[in-house]
Amino acid sequence: MNGMSFVLTSDRLMIEDHFYWCLVLDRWVYGEGQDAAAVFPPIFPAYLPKAVIRYLYKRTGATTMYNQAHGAGIGRHSRQEVEGMGR
């Protein structure tokens, strides 16, 4: 491999990683559990009220994903900045 292919590979990996965390934040943190019951039917049974599902979703998945995105660096930005990076 020459030097240019190393640069292109590192750029591609950085872009993929950035986009991945933008998607994670959009779905898990900014989505506020709108589709949690459909994604996790065994965990959130259909008979639970939507308010309870959203509360559990925020306390488990959203908090965990936010902390991971924060550790990756992209979670330290505002929502507007993350949305701009994901475009």
Protein backbone atom coordinates (compact mmCIF):
# COMPACT_ATOMS: atom_id res chain seq x y z
CA MET A 1 0.00 0.00 0.00
CA ASN A 2 1.17 3.45 -0.74
CA GLY A 3 0.71 6.49 1.46
CA MET A 4 -2.38 7.72 -0.37
CA SER A 5 -4.36 4.51 0.26
CA PHE A 6 -3.59 4.78 3.98
CA VAL A 7 -4.98 8.32 4.00
CA LEU A 8 -8.08 7.29 2.06
CA THR A 9 -8.69 4.32 4.37
CA SER A 10 -8.34 6.44 7.49
CA ASP A 11 -10.68 9.08 6.03
CA ARG A 12 -13.27 6.44 5.16
CA LEU A 13 -13.11 4.90 8.62
CA MET A 14 -13.43 8.28 10.31
CA ILE A 15 -16.48 9.18 8.18
CA GLU A 16 -18.14 5.81 8.85
CA ASP A 17 -17.53 6.13 12.58
CA HIS A 18 -18.87 9.69 12.65
CA PHE A 19 -21.99 8.74 10.72
CA TYR A 20 -22.60 5.69 12.92
CA TRP A 21 -22.62 7.77 16.12
CA CYS A 22 -24.86 10.38 14.47
CA LEU A 23 -27.35 7.60 13.72
CA VAL A 24 -27.07 6.17 17.23
CA LEU A 25 -27.77 9.54 18.83
CA ASP A 26 -30.65 10.25 16.46
CA ARG A 27 -32.40 6.94 17.10
CA TRP A 28 -31.65 6.25 20.74
CA VAL A 29 -31.29 9.65 22.36
CA TYR A 30 -33.16 12.15 20.20
CA GLY A 31 -35.90 9.68 19.18
CA GLU A 32 -37.20 9.58 22.78
CA GLY A 33 -38.37 5.98 22.61
CA GLN A 34 -41.03 6.46 19.98
CA ASP A 35 -40.46 2.99 18.52
CA ALA A 36 -39.19 1.19 21.61
CA ALA A 37 -42.19 -1.13 21.92
CA ALA A 38 -41.81 -2.25 18.31
CA VAL A 39 -38.06 -2.78 18.55
CA PHE A 40 -38.06 -4.62 21.89
CA PRO A 41 -41.39 -6.46 22.24
CA PRO A 42 -40.12 -9.07 24.76
CA ILE A 43 -38.69 -6.36 27.01
CA PHE A 44 -41.58 -3.89 26.70
CA PRO A 45 -44.87 -5.83 26.52
CA ALA A 46 -47.70 -4.27 24.52
CA TYR A 47 -49.93 -3.83 27.56
CA LEU A 48 -47.59 -1.32 29.22
CA PRO A 49 -48.65 2.31 28.84
CA LYS A 50 -46.54 4.37 26.43
CA ALA A 51 -45.42 6.67 29.24
CA VAL A 52 -43.93 3.71 31.12
CA ILE A 53 -42.21 2.41 27.99
CA ARG A 54 -40.66 5.83 27.30
CA TYR A 55 -39.47 6.12 30.89
CA LEU A 56 -37.84 2.68 30.81
CA TYR A 57 -36.38 3.38 27.38
CA LYS A 58 -34.76 6.61 28.58
CA ARG A 59 -33.46 5.03 31.79
CA THR A 60 -31.87 2.07 30.00
CA GLY A 61 -31.11 2.37 26.29
CA ALA A 62 -30.98 6.11 25.79
CA THR A 63 -28.73 6.74 28.78
CA THR A 64 -26.35 3.94 27.82
CA MET A 65 -26.11 5.06 24.20
CA TYR A 66 -25.64 8.69 25.18
CA ASN A 67 -22.78 7.75 27.51
CA GLN A 68 -21.14 5.65 24.79
CA ALA A 69 -21.48 8.45 22.22
CA HIS A 70 -20.05 10.87 24.76
CA GLY A 71 -17.07 8.55 25.22
CA ALA A 72 -16.59 8.39 21.45
CA GLY A 73 -16.52 12.19 21.38
CA ILE A 74 -19.53 12.98 19.24
CA GLY A 75 -21.91 13.01 22.21
CA ARG A 76 -20.15 16.12 23.51
CA HIS A 77 -21.69 18.22 20.73
CA SER A 78 -25.12 19.85 20.72
CA ARG A 79 -28.01 18.25 18.87
CA GLN A 80 -27.76 20.81 16.07
CA GLU A 81 -24.04 20.14 15.61
CA VAL A 82 -24.59 16.37 15.51
CA GLU A 83 -27.37 16.73 12.96
CA GLY A 84 -25.09 18.93 10.87
CA MET A 85 -22.29 16.33 11.03
CA GLY A 86 -24.70 13.61 9.93
CA ARG A 87 -25.75 15.40 6.75
